[in-house]
PDB file of N, CA and C in Angstrom:
ATOM      1  N   MET A   1      22.417   5.766  -6.389  1.00  0.00           N
ATOM      2  CA  MET A   1      22.659   7.003  -7.098  1.00  0.00           C
ATOM      3  C   MET A   1      23.971   6.895  -7.872  1.00  0.00           C
ATOM      4  N   SER A   2      24.018   7.540  -9.000  1.00  0.00           N
ATOM      5  CA  SER A   2      25.220   7.438  -9.813  1.00  0.00           C
ATOM      6  C   SER A   2      25.575   8.760 -10.448  1.00  0.00           C
ATOM      7  N   ASP A   3      26.621   8.731 -11.234  1.00  0.00           N
ATOM      8  CA  ASP A   3      27.086   9.914 -11.937  1.00  0.00           C
ATOM      9  C   ASP A   3      26.516  10.007 -13.335  1.00  0.00           C
ATOM     10  N   THR A   4      25.567   9.214 -13.646  1.00  0.00           N
ATOM     11  CA  THR A   4      25.009   9.269 -14.978  1.00  0.00           C
ATOM     12  C   THR A   4      24.066  10.440 -15.097  1.00  0.00           C
ATOM     13  N   GLY A   5      24.002  11.010 -16.283  1.00  0.00           N
ATOM     14  CA  GLY A   5      23.056  12.074 -16.559  1.00  0.00           C
ATOM     15  C   GLY A   5      22.168  11.609 -17.682  1.00  0.00           C
ATOM     16  N   ILE A   6      21.053  11.040 -17.353  1.00  0.00           N
ATOM     17  CA  ILE A   6      20.162  10.467 -18.354  1.00  0.00           C
ATOM     18  C   ILE A   6      19.005  11.424 -18.557  1.00  0.00           C
ATOM     19  N   ALA A   7      18.868  11.915 -19.774  1.00  0.00           N
ATOM     20  CA  ALA A   7      17.777  12.838 -20.073  1.00  0.00           C
ATOM     21  C   ALA A   7      16.554  12.046 -20.484  1.00  0.00           C
ATOM     22  N   GLY A   8      15.446  12.390 -19.913  1.00  0.00           N
ATOM     23  CA  GLY A   8      14.192  11.773 -20.315  1.00  0.00           C
ATOM     24  C   GLY A   8      13.509  12.634 -21.349  1.00  0.00           C
ATOM     25  N   ASN A   9      12.294  12.263 -21.718  1.00  0.00           N
ATOM     26  CA  ASN A   9      11.592  13.060 -22.721  1.00  0.00           C
ATOM     27  C   ASN A   9      11.115  14.383 -22.141  1.00  0.00           C
ATOM     28  N   ASP A  10      11.393  14.619 -20.853  1.00  0.00           N
ATOM     29  CA  ASP A  10      11.099  15.933 -20.295  1.00  0.00           C
ATOM     30  C   ASP A  10      12.287  16.872 -20.476  1.00  0.00           C
ATOM     31  N   GLY A  11      13.379  16.365 -21.084  1.00  0.00           N
ATOM     32  CA  GLY A  11      14.526  17.190 -21.389  1.00  0.00           C
ATOM     33  C   GLY A  11      15.402  17.506 -20.195  1.00  0.00           C
ATOM     34  N   LYS A  12      15.084  16.960 -19.060  1.00  0.00           N
ATOM     35  CA  LYS A  12      15.860  17.231 -17.855  1.00  0.00           C
ATOM     36  C   LYS A  12      16.627  15.981 -17.463  1.00  0.00           C
ATOM     37  N   THR A  13      17.778  16.159 -16.857  1.00  0.00           N
ATOM     38  CA  THR A  13      18.509  15.012 -16.342  1.00  0.00           C
ATOM     39  C   THR A  13      18.222  14.869 -14.869  1.00  0.00           C
ATOM     40  N   ASP A  14      18.484  13.694 -14.385  1.00  0.00           N
ATOM     41  CA  ASP A  14      18.266  13.409 -12.983  1.00  0.00           C
ATOM     42  C   ASP A  14      19.599  13.361 -12.258  1.00  0.00           C
ATOM     43  N   LYS A  15      20.614  14.045 -12.801  1.00  0.00           N
ATOM     44  CA  LYS A  15      21.953  13.870 -12.281  1.00  0.00           C
ATOM     45  C   LYS A  15      22.360  14.885 -11.230  1.00  0.00           C
ATOM     46  N   GLN A  16      21.664  15.967 -11.073  1.00  0.00           N
ATOM     47  CA  GLN A  16      22.130  17.039 -10.203  1.00  0.00           C
ATOM     48  C   GLN A  16      22.469  16.528  -8.800  1.00  0.00           C
ATOM     49  N   ALA A  17      21.673  15.667  -8.235  1.00  0.00           N
ATOM     50  CA  ALA A  17      21.907  15.197  -6.875  1.00  0.00           C
ATOM     51  C   ALA A  17      22.598  13.838  -6.845  1.00  0.00           C
ATOM     52  N   ASN A  18      23.012  13.340  -7.994  1.00  0.00           N
ATOM     53  CA  ASN A  18      23.497  11.969  -8.079  1.00  0.00           C
ATOM     54  C   ASN A  18      25.001  11.890  -8.297  1.00  0.00           C
ATOM     55  N   TYR A  19      25.786  12.282  -7.321  1.00  0.00           N
ATOM     56  CA  TYR A  19      27.233  12.222  -7.468  1.00  0.00           C
ATOM     57  C   TYR A  19      27.856  11.301  -6.441  1.00  0.00           C
ATOM     58  N   THR A  20      27.929  10.029  -6.765  1.00  0.00           N
ATOM     59  CA  THR A  20      28.699   9.064  -5.982  1.00  0.00           C
ATOM     60  C   THR A  20      29.749   8.537  -6.936  1.00  0.00           C
ATOM     61  N   ALA A  21      30.870   9.166  -6.985  1.00  0.00           N
ATOM     62  CA  ALA A  21      31.862   9.078  -8.058  1.00  0.00           C
ATOM     63  C   ALA A  21      32.089   7.690  -8.625  1.00  0.00           C
ATOM     64  N   CYS A  22      32.095   7.611  -9.955  1.00  0.00           N
ATOM     65  CA  CYS A  22      32.402   6.378 -10.676  1.00  0.00           C
ATOM     66  C   CYS A  22      33.819   5.920 -10.366  1.00  0.00           C
ATOM     67  N   ASP A  23      34.687   6.836 -10.015  1.00  0.00           N
ATOM     68  CA  ASP A  23      36.096   6.498  -9.880  1.00  0.00           C
ATOM     69  C   ASP A  23      36.565   6.516  -8.428  1.00  0.00           C
ATOM     70  N   ASP A  24      35.652   6.396  -7.475  1.00  0.00           N
ATOM     71  CA  ASP A  24      36.110   6.378  -6.086  1.00  0.00           C
ATOM     72  C   ASP A  24      36.796   5.045  -5.794  1.00  0.00           C
ATOM     73  N   ASP A  25      37.471   4.944  -4.662  1.00  0.00           N
ATOM     74  CA  ASP A  25      38.275   3.769  -4.332  1.00  0.00           C
ATOM     75  C   ASP A  25      37.480   2.476  -4.332  1.00  0.00           C
ATOM     76  N   SER A  26      36.222   2.535  -3.915  1.00  0.00           N
ATOM     77  CA  SER A  26      35.425   1.316  -3.836  1.00  0.00           C
ATOM     78  C   SER A  26      35.103   0.740  -5.207  1.00  0.00           C
ATOM     79  N   ARG A  27      35.257   1.526  -6.256  1.00  0.00           N
ATOM     80  CA  ARG A  27      34.910   1.050  -7.596  1.00  0.00           C
ATOM     81  C   ARG A  27      36.104   0.956  -8.526  1.00  0.00           C
ATOM     82  N   ALA A  28      37.255   1.422  -8.088  1.00  0.00           N
ATOM     83  CA  ALA A  28      38.420   1.490  -8.962  1.00  0.00           C
ATOM     84  C   ALA A  28      38.913   0.118  -9.387  1.00  0.00           C
ATOM     85  N   GLU A  29      38.704  -0.883  -8.567  1.00  0.00           N
ATOM     86  CA  GLU A  29      39.216  -2.219  -8.880  1.00  0.00           C
ATOM     87  C   GLU A  29      38.601  -2.803 -10.148  1.00  0.00           C
ATOM     88  N   ALA A  30      37.319  -2.633 -10.333  1.00  0.00           N
ATOM     89  CA  ALA A  30      36.630  -3.136 -11.531  1.00  0.00           C
ATOM     90  C   ALA A  30      35.930  -1.956 -12.193  1.00  0.00           C
ATOM     91  N   TYR A  31      36.704  -0.948 -12.557  1.00  0.00           N
ATOM     92  CA  TYR A  31      36.180   0.331 -13.036  1.00  0.00           C
ATOM     93  C   TYR A  31      35.187   0.176 -14.177  1.00  0.00           C
ATOM     94  N   GLU A  32      35.577  -0.537 -15.233  1.00  0.00           N
ATOM     95  CA  GLU A  32      34.711  -0.653 -16.408  1.00  0.00           C
ATOM     96  C   GLU A  32      33.406  -1.362 -16.063  1.00  0.00           C
ATOM     97  N   GLN A  33      33.518  -2.465 -15.341  1.00  0.00           N
ATOM     98  CA  GLN A  33      32.321  -3.223 -14.976  1.00  0.00           C
ATOM     99  C   GLN A  33      31.409  -2.396 -14.075  1.00  0.00           C
ATOM    100  N   ASN A  34      31.988  -1.726 -13.106  1.00  0.00           N
ATOM    101  CA  ASN A  34      31.174  -0.938 -12.186  1.00  0.00           C
ATOM    102  C   ASN A  34      30.580   0.301 -12.834  1.00  0.00           C
ATOM    103  N   THR A  35      31.292   0.893 -13.780  1.00  0.00           N
ATOM    104  CA  THR A  35      30.710   2.011 -14.519  1.00  0.00           C
ATOM    105  C   THR A  35      29.473   1.539 -15.282  1.00  0.00           C
ATOM    106  N   GLY A  36      29.579   0.398 -15.930  1.00  0.00           N
ATOM    107  CA  GLY A  36      28.423  -0.178 -16.627  1.00  0.00           C
ATOM    108  C   GLY A  36      27.271  -0.463 -15.681  1.00  0.00           C
ATOM    109  N   ARG A  37      27.596  -1.001 -14.514  1.00  0.00           N
ATOM    110  CA  ARG A  37      26.551  -1.269 -13.518  1.00  0.00           C
ATOM    111  C   ARG A  37      25.848   0.014 -13.078  1.00  0.00           C
ATOM    112  N   LEU A  38      26.636   1.068 -12.878  1.00  0.00           N
ATOM    113  CA  LEU A  38      26.037   2.348 -12.485  1.00  0.00           C
ATOM    114  C   LEU A  38      25.052   2.844 -13.536  1.00  0.00           C
ATOM    115  N   ILE A  39      25.435   2.703 -14.787  1.00  0.00           N
ATOM    116  CA  ILE A  39      24.552   3.138 -15.878  1.00  0.00           C
ATOM    117  C   ILE A  39      23.258   2.330 -15.854  1.00  0.00           C
ATOM    118  N   VAL A  40      23.381   1.016 -15.753  1.00  0.00           N
ATOM    119  CA  VAL A  40      22.195   0.151 -15.725  1.00  0.00           C
ATOM    120  C   VAL A  40      21.325   0.487 -14.515  1.00  0.00           C
ATOM    121  N   GLU A  41      21.940   0.636 -13.345  1.00  0.00           N
ATOM    122  CA  GLU A  41      21.180   0.971 -12.136  1.00  0.00           C
ATOM    123  C   GLU A  41      20.411   2.277 -12.299  1.00  0.00           C
ATOM    124  N   GLU A  42      21.039   3.256 -12.925  1.00  0.00           N
ATOM    125  CA  GLU A  42      20.383   4.551 -13.099  1.00  0.00           C
ATOM    126  C   GLU A  42      19.203   4.444 -14.058  1.00  0.00           C
ATOM    127  N   PHE A  43      19.357   3.670 -15.138  1.00  0.00           N
ATOM    128  CA  PHE A  43      18.232   3.464 -16.055  1.00  0.00           C
ATOM    129  C   PHE A  43      17.077   2.779 -15.333  1.00  0.00           C
ATOM    130  N   VAL A  44      17.380   1.765 -14.549  1.00  0.00           N
ATOM    131  CA  VAL A  44      16.336   1.057 -13.807  1.00  0.00           C
ATOM    132  C   VAL A  44      15.675   2.002 -12.811  1.00  0.00           C
ATOM    133  N   ARG A  45      16.487   2.737 -12.052  1.00  0.00           N
ATOM    134  CA  ARG A  45      15.951   3.658 -11.046  1.00  0.00           C
ATOM    135  C   ARG A  45      15.014   4.683 -11.662  1.00  0.00           C
ATOM    136  N   MET A  46      15.392   5.187 -12.847  1.00  0.00           N
ATOM    137  CA  MET A  46      14.587   6.225 -13.494  1.00  0.00           C
ATOM    138  C   MET A  46      13.470   5.661 -14.362  1.00  0.00           C
ATOM    139  N   GLY A  47      13.446   4.348 -14.547  1.00  0.00           N
ATOM    140  CA  GLY A  47      12.423   3.730 -15.384  1.00  0.00           C
ATOM    141  C   GLY A  47      12.570   4.086 -16.853  1.00  0.00           C
ATOM    142  N   LYS A  48      13.813   4.269 -17.322  1.00  0.00           N
ATOM    143  CA  LYS A  48      14.076   4.654 -18.710  1.00  0.00           C
ATOM    144  C   LYS A  48      14.346   3.421 -19.570  1.00  0.00           C
ATOM    145  N   ASP A  49      13.883   3.458 -20.799  1.00  0.00           N
ATOM    146  CA  ASP A  49      14.146   2.409 -21.783  1.00  0.00           C
ATOM    147  C   ASP A  49      15.472   2.724 -22.468  1.00  0.00           C
ATOM    148  N   PRO A  50      16.485   1.864 -22.336  1.00  0.00           N
ATOM    149  CA  PRO A  50      17.792   2.154 -22.934  1.00  0.00           C
ATOM    150  C   PRO A  50      17.763   2.308 -24.453  1.00  0.00           C
ATOM    151  N   MET A  51      16.807   1.716 -25.126  1.00  0.00           N
ATOM    152  CA  MET A  51      16.753   1.885 -26.578  1.00  0.00           C
ATOM    153  C   MET A  51      16.055   3.184 -26.961  1.00  0.00           C
ATOM    154  N   ALA A  52      15.273   3.753 -26.057  1.00  0.00           N
ATOM    155  CA  ALA A  52      14.643   5.051 -26.315  1.00  0.00           C
ATOM    156  C   ALA A  52      15.580   6.192 -25.930  1.00  0.00           C
ATOM    157  N   VAL A  53      16.553   5.901 -25.068  1.00  0.00           N
ATOM    158  CA  VAL A  53      17.542   6.886 -24.621  1.00  0.00           C
ATOM    159  C   VAL A  53      18.918   6.236 -24.817  1.00  0.00           C
ATOM    160  N   PRO A  54      19.421   6.198 -26.057  1.00  0.00           N
ATOM    161  CA  PRO A  54      20.623   5.408 -26.355  1.00  0.00           C
ATOM    162  C   PRO A  54      21.946   6.126 -26.103  1.00  0.00           C
ATOM    163  N   ALA A  55      21.991   6.946 -25.066  1.00  0.00           N
ATOM    164  CA  ALA A  55      23.229   7.645 -24.725  1.00  0.00           C
ATOM    165  C   ALA A  55      23.170   8.069 -23.277  1.00  0.00           C
ATOM    166  N   VAL A  56      24.350   8.179 -22.675  1.00  0.00           N
ATOM    167  CA  VAL A  56      24.438   8.628 -21.294  1.00  0.00           C
ATOM    168  C   VAL A  56      25.761   9.350 -21.104  1.00  0.00           C
ATOM    169  N   LEU A  57      25.740  10.335 -20.237  1.00  0.00           N
ATOM    170  CA  LEU A  57      26.950  11.063 -19.868  1.00  0.00           C
ATOM    171  C   LEU A  57      27.297  10.694 -18.437  1.00  0.00           C
ATOM    172  N   CYS A  58      28.544  10.378 -18.193  1.00  0.00           N
ATOM    173  CA  CYS A  58      29.013  10.067 -16.842  1.00  0.00           C
ATOM    174  C   CYS A  58      30.073  11.077 -16.432  1.00  0.00           C
ATOM    175  N   LYS A  59      30.031  11.458 -15.190  1.00  0.00           N
ATOM    176  CA  LYS A  59      31.026  12.371 -14.629  1.00  0.00           C
ATOM    177  C   LYS A  59      32.424  11.776 -14.835  1.00  0.00           C
ATOM    178  N   ASN A  60      33.354  12.629 -15.221  1.00  0.00           N
ATOM    179  CA  ASN A  60      34.755  12.234 -15.418  1.00  0.00           C
ATOM    180  C   ASN A  60      34.941  11.172 -16.497  1.00  0.00           C
ATOM    181  N   HIS A  61      34.078  11.148 -17.461  1.00  0.00           N
ATOM    182  CA  HIS A  61      34.167  10.166 -18.540  1.00  0.00           C
ATOM    183  C   HIS A  61      33.548  10.756 -19.788  1.00  0.00           C
ATOM    184  N   GLY A  62      33.900  10.222 -20.907  1.00  0.00           N
ATOM    185  CA  GLY A  62      33.255  10.616 -22.151  1.00  0.00           C
ATOM    186  C   GLY A  62      31.861  10.014 -22.232  1.00  0.00           C
ATOM    187  N   PRO A  63      31.148  10.295 -23.298  1.00  0.00           N
ATOM    188  CA  PRO A  63      29.788   9.767 -23.445  1.00  0.00           C
ATOM    189  C   PRO A  63      29.792   8.277 -23.762  1.00  0.00           C
ATOM    190  N   PHE A  64      28.718   7.628 -23.390  1.00  0.00           N
ATOM    191  CA  PHE A  64      28.461   6.246 -23.780  1.00  0.00           C
ATOM    192  C   PHE A  64      27.258   6.276 -24.708  1.00  0.00           C
ATOM    193  N   THR A  65      27.347   5.580 -25.825  1.00  0.00           N
ATOM    194  CA  THR A  65      26.204   5.441 -26.729  1.00  0.00           C
ATOM    195  C   THR A  65      26.092   3.988 -27.137  1.00  0.00           C
ATOM    196  N   TRP A  66      24.916   3.598 -27.606  1.00  0.00           N
ATOM    197  CA  TRP A  66      24.682   2.229 -28.052  1.00  0.00           C
ATOM    198  C   TRP A  66      23.561   2.239 -29.061  1.00  0.00           C
ATOM    199  N   GLY A  67      23.343   1.104 -29.677  1.00  0.00           N
ATOM    200  CA  GLY A  67      22.279   0.951 -30.658  1.00  0.00           C
ATOM    201  C   GLY A  67      22.174  -0.504 -31.053  1.00  0.00           C
ATOM    202  N   LYS A  68      21.333  -0.783 -32.021  1.00  0.00           N
ATOM    203  CA  LYS A  68      21.132  -2.162 -32.472  1.00  0.00           C
ATOM    204  C   LYS A  68      22.340  -2.705 -33.226  1.00  0.00           C
ATOM    205  N   SER A  69      23.230  -1.814 -33.643  1.00  0.00           N
ATOM    206  CA  SER A  69      24.449  -2.218 -34.352  1.00  0.00           C
ATOM    207  C   SER A  69      25.543  -1.212 -34.014  1.00  0.00           C
ATOM    208  N   ALA A  70      26.770  -1.553 -34.403  1.00  0.00           N
ATOM    209  CA  ALA A  70      27.876  -0.613 -34.187  1.00  0.00           C
ATOM    210  C   ALA A  70      27.619   0.687 -34.945  1.00  0.00           C
ATOM    211  N   ALA A  71      27.087   0.579 -36.154  1.00  0.00           N
ATOM    212  CA  ALA A  71      26.793   1.775 -36.952  1.00  0.00           C
ATOM    213  C   ALA A  71      25.736   2.642 -36.261  1.00  0.00           C
ATOM    214  N   ALA A  72      24.731   2.012 -35.664  1.00  0.00           N
ATOM    215  CA  ALA A  72      23.694   2.768 -34.955  1.00  0.00           C
ATOM    216  C   ALA A  72      24.277   3.460 -33.724  1.00  0.00           C
ATOM    217  N   SER A  73      25.213   2.810 -33.052  1.00  0.00           N
ATOM    218  CA  SER A  73      25.866   3.424 -31.898  1.00  0.00           C
ATOM    219  C   SER A  73      26.674   4.649 -32.311  1.00  0.00           C
ATOM    220  N   VAL A  74      27.384   4.543 -33.427  1.00  0.00           N
ATOM    221  CA  VAL A  74      28.143   5.692 -33.937  1.00  0.00           C
ATOM    222  C   VAL A  74      27.194   6.821 -34.320  1.00  0.00           C
ATOM    223  N   GLU A  75      26.093   6.486 -34.965  1.00  0.00           N
ATOM    224  CA  GLU A  75      25.105   7.503 -35.331  1.00  0.00           C
ATOM    225  C   GLU A  75      24.580   8.208 -34.074  1.00  0.00           C
ATOM    226  N   ASN A  76      24.306   7.432 -33.020  1.00  0.00           N
ATOM    227  CA  ASN A  76      23.829   8.034 -31.773  1.00  0.00           C
ATOM    228  C   ASN A  76      24.894   8.929 -31.143  1.00  0.00           C
ATOM    229  N   ALA A  77      26.170   8.563 -31.286  1.00  0.00           N
ATOM    230  CA  ALA A  77      27.251   9.418 -30.781  1.00  0.00           C
ATOM    231  C   ALA A  77      27.288  10.746 -31.537  1.00  0.00           C
ATOM    232  N   LEU A  78      27.105  10.688 -32.842  1.00  0.00           N
ATOM    233  CA  LEU A  78      27.084  11.911 -33.647  1.00  0.00           C
ATOM    234  C   LEU A  78      25.883  12.782 -33.288  1.00  0.00           C
ATOM    235  N   ILE A  79      24.754  12.154 -33.071  1.00  0.00           N
ATOM    236  CA  ILE A  79      23.554  12.893 -32.673  1.00  0.00           C
ATOM    237  C   ILE A  79      23.775  13.550 -31.314  1.00  0.00           C
ATOM    238  N   LEU A  80      24.350  12.802 -30.376  1.00  0.00           N
ATOM    239  CA  LEU A  80      24.626  13.352 -29.051  1.00  0.00           C
ATOM    240  C   LEU A  80      25.565  14.551 -29.144  1.00  0.00           C
ATOM    241  N   GLU A  81      26.570  14.452 -29.987  1.00  0.00           N
ATOM    242  CA  GLU A  81      27.504  15.568 -30.160  1.00  0.00           C
ATOM    243  C   GLU A  81      26.789  16.804 -30.690  1.00  0.00           C
ATOM    244  N   GLU A  82      25.908  16.640 -31.656  1.00  0.00           N
ATOM    245  CA  GLU A  82      25.155  17.775 -32.199  1.00  0.00           C
ATOM    246  C   GLU A  82      24.218  18.368 -31.145  1.00  0.00           C
ATOM    247  N   ILE A  83      23.581  17.508 -30.361  1.00  0.00           N
ATOM    248  CA  ILE A  83      22.700  17.992 -29.301  1.00  0.00           C
ATOM    249  C   ILE A  83      23.500  18.793 -28.283  1.00  0.00           C
ATOM    250  N   ALA A  84      24.690  18.310 -27.935  1.00  0.00           N
ATOM    251  CA  ALA A  84      25.546  19.037 -26.986  1.00  0.00           C
ATOM    252  C   ALA A  84      25.936  20.402 -27.545  1.00  0.00           C
ATOM    253  N   LYS A  85      26.250  20.465 -28.826  1.00  0.00           N
ATOM    254  CA  LYS A  85      26.578  21.754 -29.451  1.00  0.00           C
ATOM    255  C   LYS A  85      25.386  22.703 -29.378  1.00  0.00           C
ATOM    256  N   MET A  86      24.195  22.195 -29.708  1.00  0.00           N
ATOM    257  CA  MET A  86      23.004  23.040 -29.651  1.00  0.00           C
ATOM    258  C   MET A  86      22.734  23.523 -28.231  1.00  0.00           C
ATOM    259  N   ALA A  87      22.893  22.635 -27.252  1.00  0.00           N
ATOM    260  CA  ALA A  87      22.658  23.020 -25.859  1.00  0.00           C
ATOM    261  C   ALA A  87      23.648  24.089 -25.419  1.00  0.00           C
ATOM    262  N   SER A  88      24.898  23.908 -25.767  1.00  0.00           N
ATOM    263  CA  SER A  88      25.920  24.893 -25.400  1.00  0.00           C
ATOM    264  C   SER A  88      25.633  26.249 -26.039  1.00  0.00           C
ATOM    265  N   ARG A  89      25.287  26.232 -27.296  1.00  0.00           N
ATOM    266  CA  ARG A  89      24.979  27.489 -27.997  1.00  0.00           C
ATOM    267  C   ARG A  89      23.739  28.153 -27.420  1.00  0.00           C
ATOM    268  N   THR A  90      22.741  27.348 -27.080  1.00  0.00           N
ATOM    269  CA  THR A  90      21.525  27.887 -26.491  1.00  0.00           C
ATOM    270  C   THR A  90      21.837  28.570 -25.165  1.00  0.00           C
ATOM    271  N   GLU A  91      22.664  27.934 -24.344  1.00  0.00           N
ATOM    272  CA  GLU A  91      23.030  28.536 -23.057  1.00  0.00           C
ATOM    273  C   GLU A  91      23.795  29.834 -23.250  1.00  0.00           C
ATOM    274  N   ARG A  92      24.695  29.874 -24.232  1.00  0.00           N
ATOM    275  CA  ARG A  92      25.451  31.109 -24.490  1.00  0.00           C
ATOM    276  C   ARG A  92      24.532  32.229 -24.953  1.00  0.00           C
ATOM    277  N   ILE A  93      23.608  31.917 -25.831  1.00  0.00           N
ATOM    278  CA  ILE A  93      22.679  32.929 -26.345  1.00  0.00           C
ATOM    279  C   ILE A  93      21.756  33.420 -25.227  1.00  0.00           C
ATOM    280  N   ALA A  94      21.280  32.499 -24.395  1.00  0.00           N
ATOM    281  CA  ALA A  94      20.322  32.854 -23.342  1.00  0.00           C
ATOM    282  C   ALA A  94      20.946  33.706 -22.251  1.00  0.00           C
ATOM    283  N   GLY A  95      22.231  33.534 -22.033  1.00  0.00           N
ATOM    284  CA  GLY A  95      22.863  34.280 -20.948  1.00  0.00           C
ATOM    285  C   GLY A  95      22.250  33.915 -19.615  1.00  0.00           C
ATOM    286  N   GLU A  96      21.779  34.902 -18.886  1.00  0.00           N
ATOM    287  CA  GLU A  96      21.186  34.676 -17.573  1.00  0.00           C
ATOM    288  C   GLU A  96      19.702  34.329 -17.634  1.00  0.00           C
ATOM    289  N   ARG A  97      19.095  34.464 -18.809  1.00  0.00           N
ATOM    290  CA  ARG A  97      17.671  34.157 -18.930  1.00  0.00           C
ATOM    291  C   ARG A  97      17.431  32.655 -18.786  1.00  0.00           C
ATOM    292  N   PRO A  98      16.326  32.264 -18.174  1.00  0.00           N
ATOM    293  CA  PRO A  98      16.032  30.832 -18.048  1.00  0.00           C
ATOM    294  C   PRO A  98      15.727  30.221 -19.421  1.00  0.00           C
ATOM    295  N   ILE A  99      16.159  29.006 -19.606  1.00  0.00           N
ATOM    296  CA  ILE A  99      15.862  28.296 -20.847  1.00  0.00           C
ATOM    297  C   ILE A  99      15.092  27.029 -20.503  1.00  0.00           C
ATOM    298  N   GLY A 100      14.368  26.524 -21.442  1.00  0.00           N
ATOM    299  CA  GLY A 100      13.624  25.299 -21.220  1.00  0.00           C
ATOM    300  C   GLY A 100      12.341  25.305 -22.019  1.00  0.00           C
ATOM    301  N   ILE A 101      11.612  24.245 -21.841  1.00  0.00           N
ATOM    302  CA  ILE A 101      10.340  24.074 -22.526  1.00  0.00           C
ATOM    303  C   ILE A 101       9.386  23.417 -21.533  1.00  0.00           C
ATOM    304  N   GLU A 102       8.135  23.785 -21.578  1.00  0.00           N
ATOM    305  CA  GLU A 102       7.155  23.209 -20.673  1.00  0.00           C
ATOM    306  C   GLU A 102       7.050  21.713 -20.933  1.00  0.00           C
ATOM    307  N   SER A 103       6.863  20.954 -19.870  1.00  0.00           N
ATOM    308  CA  SER A 103       6.817  19.493 -19.966  1.00  0.00           C
ATOM    309  C   SER A 103       5.742  19.010 -20.929  1.00  0.00           C
ATOM    310  N   TYR A 104       4.560  19.644 -20.885  1.00  0.00           N
ATOM    311  CA  TYR A 104       3.481  19.182 -21.758  1.00  0.00           C
ATOM    312  C   TYR A 104       3.863  19.303 -23.234  1.00  0.00           C
ATOM    313  N   LEU A 105       4.591  20.367 -23.593  1.00  0.00           N
ATOM    314  CA  LEU A 105       4.982  20.570 -24.980  1.00  0.00           C
ATOM    315  C   LEU A 105       6.093  19.599 -25.383  1.00  0.00           C
ATOM    316  N   LEU A 106       7.031  19.365 -24.492  1.00  0.00           N
ATOM    317  CA  LEU A 106       8.098  18.407 -24.771  1.00  0.00           C
ATOM    318  C   LEU A 106       7.518  17.008 -24.920  1.00  0.00           C
ATOM    319  N   ASP A 107       6.579  16.647 -24.033  1.00  0.00           N
ATOM    320  CA  ASP A 107       5.905  15.347 -24.148  1.00  0.00           C
ATOM    321  C   ASP A 107       5.179  15.226 -25.476  1.00  0.00           C
ATOM    322  N   LYS A 108       4.502  16.287 -25.891  1.00  0.00           N
ATOM    323  CA  LYS A 108       3.773  16.280 -27.163  1.00  0.00           C
ATOM    324  C   LYS A 108       4.723  15.983 -28.318  1.00  0.00           C
ATOM    325  N   HIS A 109       5.867  16.688 -28.356  1.00  0.00           N
ATOM    326  CA  HIS A 109       6.827  16.476 -29.439  1.00  0.00           C
ATOM    327  C   HIS A 109       7.389  15.051 -29.425  1.00  0.00           C
ATOM    328  N   TYR A 110       7.672  14.532 -28.252  1.00  0.00           N
ATOM    329  CA  TYR A 110       8.225  13.182 -28.157  1.00  0.00           C
ATOM    330  C   TYR A 110       7.183  12.126 -28.497  1.00  0.00           C
ATOM    331  N   LEU A 111       6.019  12.211 -27.874  1.00  0.00           N
ATOM    332  CA  LEU A 111       5.012  11.164 -28.007  1.00  0.00           C
ATOM    333  C   LEU A 111       4.364  11.123 -29.390  1.00  0.00           C
ATOM    334  N   ARG A 112       4.294  12.253 -30.090  1.00  0.00           N
ATOM    335  CA  ARG A 112       3.683  12.217 -31.423  1.00  0.00           C
ATOM    336  C   ARG A 112       4.527  11.405 -32.395  1.00  0.00           C
ATOM    337  N   LYS A 113       5.811  11.236 -32.083  1.00  0.00           N
ATOM    338  CA  LYS A 113       6.677  10.440 -32.946  1.00  0.00           C
ATOM    339  C   LYS A 113       6.989   9.071 -32.342  1.00  0.00           C
ATOM    340  N   HIS A 114       7.075   8.975 -31.022  1.00  0.00           N
ATOM    341  CA  HIS A 114       7.518   7.739 -30.381  1.00  0.00           C
ATOM    342  C   HIS A 114       6.481   7.098 -29.475  1.00  0.00           C
ATOM    343  N   GLY A 115       5.368   7.732 -29.237  1.00  0.00           N
ATOM    344  CA  GLY A 115       4.367   7.201 -28.318  1.00  0.00           C
ATOM    345  C   GLY A 115       3.546   6.074 -28.928  1.00  0.00           C
ATOM    346  N   ALA A 116       2.684   5.502 -28.106  1.00  0.00           N
ATOM    347  CA  ALA A 116       1.834   4.388 -28.537  1.00  0.00           C
ATOM    348  C   ALA A 116       0.937   4.773 -29.716  1.00  0.00           C
ATOM    349  N   ASN A 117       0.498   6.018 -29.761  1.00  0.00           N
ATOM    350  CA  ASN A 117      -0.367   6.488 -30.844  1.00  0.00           C
ATOM    351  C   ASN A 117       0.371   7.450 -31.767  1.00  0.00           C
ATOM    352  N   ALA A 118       1.639   7.146 -32.052  1.00  0.00           N
ATOM    353  CA  ALA A 118       2.480   8.029 -32.881  1.00  0.00           C
ATOM    354  C   ALA A 118       1.829   8.260 -34.238  1.00  0.00           C
ATOM    355  N   TYR A 119       1.931   9.481 -34.694  1.00  0.00           N
ATOM    356  CA  TYR A 119       1.355   9.846 -35.989  1.00  0.00           C
ATOM    357  C   TYR A 119       2.280  10.712 -36.825  1.00  0.00           C
ATOM    358  N   TYR A 120       3.435  11.056 -36.316  1.00  0.00           N
ATOM    359  CA  TYR A 120       4.319  12.004 -36.978  1.00  0.00           C
ATOM    360  C   TYR A 120       5.649  11.331 -37.285  1.00  0.00           C
ATOM    361  N   GLY A 121       6.222  11.621 -38.429  1.00  0.00           N
ATOM    362  CA  GLY A 121       7.548  11.099 -38.755  1.00  0.00           C
ATOM    363  C   GLY A 121       7.493   9.897 -39.692  1.00  0.00           C
ATOM    364  N   GLN A 122       8.617   9.273 -39.827  1.00  0.00           N
ATOM    365  CA  GLN A 122       8.757   8.127 -40.744  1.00  0.00           C
ATOM    366  C   GLN A 122       8.029   6.914 -40.214  1.00  0.00           C
ATOM    367  N   LYS A 123       7.424   6.161 -41.108  1.00  0.00           N
ATOM    368  CA  LYS A 123       6.811   4.893 -40.737  1.00  0.00           C
ATOM    369  C   LYS A 123       7.934   3.890 -40.533  1.00  0.00           C
ATOM    370  N   LYS A 124       7.741   3.014 -39.569  1.00  0.00           N
ATOM    371  CA  LYS A 124       8.767   2.002 -39.277  1.00  0.00           C
ATOM    372  C   LYS A 124       8.637   0.808 -40.175  1.00  0.00           C
TER     373      LYS A 124
END
């Protein structure tokens, strides 16, 4: 278990129960290496493709993003920042009301563009 918050195409993170601090004494000696290991372990545990989910949030740390190039990583950081702004604004607007989207609808939006039988969006 790790401190990573990796969102899948269901829009939910698996981080709520995953707090074994990145910065505890057992990991402080090789902090950067162990933080990277935690991220990799969490992707493997969740069965996520790192190129389909090119960003991760870690407790007590800024975001990590990556891509096929440095420019793609920066673009993913900008996208993550915009998504965070939208999420924050959505929570403020919703107040105490529950927010979210049904899994089947979120899957539909994701898979129509990124799935094996994608039909929506730019051609690659």
